[in-house]
Amino acid sequence: MTPTIDRRPVRFLTDEEEARLQARIAQDPDNPEATDAELGQMRPAREVLPPTLYAALIGRGGRPKAEITKRPES
């Protein structure tokens, strides 16, 4: 079964929809928007995490290498 690809164009929000969305975001007490001061205090993970934890997080991801790989016949 081949996956289908959705090729519909992206619909941008109208100004009214954007304003309504931003108002709902502002009302969420569990996830307040970061202030410019808070954003200015942020540092990269490599500067604030212990080196072993940072290395463990960076080394993750991707598929493990296969022990046996197929080779094209010549």
N, C-alpha and C. Protein backbone atom coordinates (compact mmCIF):
# COMPACT_ATOMS: atom_id res chain seq x y z
N MET A 1 0.85 -1.18 0.00
CA MET A 1 0.00 0.00 0.00
C MET A 1 0.89 1.24 0.00
N THR A 2 0.70 2.11 -0.95
CA THR A 2 1.50 3.34 -1.01
C THR A 2 0.79 4.44 -0.23
N PRO A 3 1.55 5.22 0.53
CA PRO A 3 0.93 6.30 1.29
C PRO A 3 0.43 7.40 0.35
N THR A 4 -0.63 8.04 0.76
CA THR A 4 -1.14 9.15 -0.03
C THR A 4 -0.54 10.44 0.49
N ILE A 5 -0.32 11.36 -0.39
CA ILE A 5 0.26 12.64 -0.03
C ILE A 5 -0.81 13.71 -0.17
N ASP A 6 -0.97 14.48 0.89
CA ASP A 6 -1.96 15.55 0.87
C ASP A 6 -1.33 16.76 0.19
N ARG A 7 -1.83 17.12 -0.95
CA ARG A 7 -1.25 18.22 -1.72
C ARG A 7 -2.13 19.47 -1.72
N ARG A 8 -3.00 19.57 -0.72
CA ARG A 8 -3.83 20.77 -0.64
C ARG A 8 -2.97 21.96 -0.23
N PRO A 9 -3.24 23.14 -0.77
CA PRO A 9 -2.44 24.31 -0.38
C PRO A 9 -2.69 24.68 1.08
N VAL A 10 -1.69 25.26 1.69
CA VAL A 10 -1.79 25.71 3.08
C VAL A 10 -2.71 26.93 3.13
N ARG A 11 -3.63 26.90 4.09
CA ARG A 11 -4.54 28.03 4.25
C ARG A 11 -4.03 28.88 5.41
N PHE A 12 -3.78 30.14 5.14
CA PHE A 12 -3.32 31.05 6.18
C PHE A 12 -4.51 31.55 6.99
N LEU A 13 -4.26 31.87 8.26
CA LEU A 13 -5.32 32.38 9.12
C LEU A 13 -5.67 33.81 8.74
N THR A 14 -6.94 34.13 8.88
CA THR A 14 -7.35 35.52 8.68
C THR A 14 -6.92 36.30 9.93
N ASP A 15 -6.95 37.61 9.87
CA ASP A 15 -6.58 38.43 11.03
C ASP A 15 -7.49 38.13 12.22
N GLU A 16 -8.78 37.91 11.94
CA GLU A 16 -9.73 37.61 13.00
C GLU A 16 -9.42 36.25 13.65
N GLU A 17 -9.12 35.25 12.84
CA GLU A 17 -8.77 33.94 13.36
C GLU A 17 -7.48 33.99 14.18
N GLU A 18 -6.50 34.74 13.69
CA GLU A 18 -5.23 34.89 14.41
C GLU A 18 -5.44 35.57 15.75
N ALA A 19 -6.26 36.62 15.78
CA ALA A 19 -6.53 37.34 17.03
C ALA A 19 -7.24 36.43 18.02
N ARG A 20 -8.19 35.64 17.54
CA ARG A 20 -8.92 34.72 18.40
C ARG A 20 -7.97 33.65 18.96
N LEU A 21 -7.09 33.14 18.13
CA LEU A 21 -6.12 32.14 18.56
C LEU A 21 -5.16 32.72 19.60
N GLN A 22 -4.64 33.92 19.35
CA GLN A 22 -3.72 34.55 20.29
C GLN A 22 -4.39 34.83 21.63
N ALA A 23 -5.68 35.20 21.61
CA ALA A 23 -6.42 35.45 22.85
C ALA A 23 -6.56 34.16 23.65
N ARG A 24 -6.81 33.05 22.98
CA ARG A 24 -6.93 31.77 23.68
C ARG A 24 -5.59 31.34 24.25
N ILE A 25 -4.51 31.58 23.52
CA ILE A 25 -3.17 31.25 24.02
C ILE A 25 -2.88 32.06 25.28
N ALA A 26 -3.22 33.34 25.27
CA ALA A 26 -2.95 34.23 26.42
C ALA A 26 -3.74 33.81 27.66
N GLN A 27 -4.88 33.16 27.48
CA GLN A 27 -5.73 32.75 28.61
C GLN A 27 -5.29 31.43 29.24
N ASP A 28 -4.34 30.74 28.65
CA ASP A 28 -3.92 29.43 29.15
C ASP A 28 -2.99 29.61 30.35
N PRO A 29 -3.46 29.29 31.58
CA PRO A 29 -2.63 29.49 32.76
C PRO A 29 -1.49 28.47 32.89
N ASP A 30 -1.61 27.35 32.21
CA ASP A 30 -0.60 26.30 32.33
C ASP A 30 0.59 26.52 31.42
N ASN A 31 0.47 27.41 30.46
CA ASN A 31 1.54 27.59 29.49
C ASN A 31 1.66 29.07 29.11
N PRO A 32 2.14 29.90 30.04
CA PRO A 32 2.24 31.33 29.72
C PRO A 32 3.31 31.58 28.66
N GLU A 33 3.11 32.60 27.87
CA GLU A 33 4.08 32.96 26.84
C GLU A 33 5.33 33.54 27.49
N ALA A 34 6.49 33.15 27.00
CA ALA A 34 7.75 33.63 27.56
C ALA A 34 7.92 35.12 27.25
N THR A 35 8.42 35.85 28.23
CA THR A 35 8.66 37.28 28.03
C THR A 35 10.01 37.47 27.36
N ASP A 36 10.27 38.67 26.87
CA ASP A 36 11.57 38.97 26.25
C ASP A 36 12.70 38.78 27.26
N ALA A 37 12.46 39.12 28.52
CA ALA A 37 13.49 38.95 29.56
C ALA A 37 13.79 37.47 29.77
N GLU A 38 12.74 36.64 29.80
CA GLU A 38 12.95 35.20 29.98
C GLU A 38 13.68 34.61 28.78
N LEU A 39 13.32 35.03 27.59
CA LEU A 39 13.99 34.53 26.40
C LEU A 39 15.46 34.94 26.38
N GLY A 40 15.75 36.14 26.90
CA GLY A 40 17.13 36.61 26.96
C GLY A 40 17.99 35.84 27.94
N GLN A 41 17.37 35.21 28.94
CA GLN A 41 18.10 34.43 29.94
C GLN A 41 18.36 32.99 29.50
N MET A 42 17.72 32.55 28.44
CA MET A 42 17.87 31.16 28.01
C MET A 42 19.27 30.89 27.47
N ARG A 43 19.77 29.69 27.75
CA ARG A 43 21.09 29.26 27.31
C ARG A 43 20.96 27.94 26.58
N PRO A 44 21.90 27.64 25.69
CA PRO A 44 21.87 26.34 25.00
C PRO A 44 22.00 25.19 26.00
N ALA A 45 21.41 24.06 25.67
CA ALA A 45 21.44 22.89 26.55
C ALA A 45 22.87 22.48 26.87
N ARG A 46 23.78 22.58 25.90
CA ARG A 46 25.16 22.14 26.15
C ARG A 46 25.84 22.97 27.23
N GLU A 47 25.33 24.18 27.50
CA GLU A 47 25.93 25.03 28.54
C GLU A 47 25.36 24.76 29.92
N VAL A 48 24.16 24.19 30.02
CA VAL A 48 23.52 24.06 31.33
C VAL A 48 23.34 22.62 31.80
N LEU A 49 23.39 21.65 30.90
CA LEU A 49 23.24 20.26 31.30
C LEU A 49 24.59 19.65 31.63
N PRO A 50 24.60 18.65 32.52
CA PRO A 50 25.85 17.93 32.76
C PRO A 50 26.32 17.29 31.44
N PRO A 51 27.62 17.25 31.21
CA PRO A 51 28.14 16.73 29.93
C PRO A 51 27.66 15.32 29.59
N THR A 52 27.56 14.46 30.60
CA THR A 52 27.12 13.07 30.30
C THR A 52 25.66 13.04 29.87
N LEU A 53 24.82 13.84 30.48
CA LEU A 53 23.41 13.88 30.09
C LEU A 53 23.27 14.48 28.70
N TYR A 54 23.97 15.55 28.44
CA TYR A 54 23.91 16.18 27.12
C TYR A 54 24.37 15.20 26.03
N ALA A 55 25.46 14.49 26.28
CA ALA A 55 25.97 13.52 25.30
C ALA A 55 24.96 12.40 25.06
N ALA A 56 24.28 11.96 26.14
CA ALA A 56 23.28 10.89 25.99
C ALA A 56 22.09 11.37 25.17
N LEU A 57 21.70 12.61 25.34
CA LEU A 57 20.56 13.14 24.58
C LEU A 57 20.91 13.38 23.12
N ILE A 58 22.11 13.84 22.85
CA ILE A 58 22.54 14.14 21.49
C ILE A 58 22.75 12.85 20.70
N GLY A 59 23.26 11.81 21.36
CA GLY A 59 23.57 10.56 20.67
C GLY A 59 22.35 9.74 20.30
N ARG A 60 21.17 10.16 20.71
CA ARG A 60 19.96 9.38 20.44
C ARG A 60 19.43 9.69 19.05
N GLY A 61 18.57 8.81 18.60
CA GLY A 61 17.88 9.05 17.35
C GLY A 61 18.45 8.26 16.20
N GLY A 62 17.66 8.12 15.22
CA GLY A 62 18.09 7.38 14.04
C GLY A 62 17.93 5.89 14.21
N ARG A 63 18.05 5.20 13.14
CA ARG A 63 17.91 3.75 13.15
C ARG A 63 19.28 3.13 13.40
N PRO A 64 19.34 2.06 14.20
CA PRO A 64 20.63 1.42 14.43
C PRO A 64 21.18 0.82 13.14
N LYS A 65 22.48 0.76 13.03
CA LYS A 65 23.12 0.18 11.85
C LYS A 65 22.83 -1.31 11.79
N ALA A 66 22.54 -1.79 10.61
CA ALA A 66 22.25 -3.21 10.42
C ALA A 66 23.55 -4.01 10.46
N GLU A 67 23.48 -5.20 11.04
CA GLU A 67 24.66 -6.07 11.07
C GLU A 67 24.92 -6.65 9.69
N ILE A 68 23.87 -7.00 8.99
CA ILE A 68 23.99 -7.56 7.66
C ILE A 68 23.34 -6.58 6.69
N THR A 69 24.08 -6.14 5.71
CA THR A 69 23.52 -5.24 4.72
C THR A 69 23.50 -5.90 3.36
N LYS A 70 22.56 -5.52 2.55
CA LYS A 70 22.49 -6.07 1.20
C LYS A 70 23.53 -5.36 0.33
N ARG A 71 24.11 -6.11 -0.57
CA ARG A 71 25.07 -5.53 -1.51
C ARG A 71 24.62 -5.85 -2.92
N PRO A 72 24.68 -4.88 -3.80
CA PRO A 72 24.27 -5.17 -5.16
C PRO A 72 25.24 -6.16 -5.82
N GLU A 73 24.66 -7.06 -6.62
CA GLU A 73 25.50 -8.04 -7.33
C GLU A 73 26.12 -7.40 -8.54
N SER A 74 27.36 -7.71 -8.80
CA SER A 74 28.05 -7.12 -9.95
C SER A 74 28.01 -8.06 -11.12
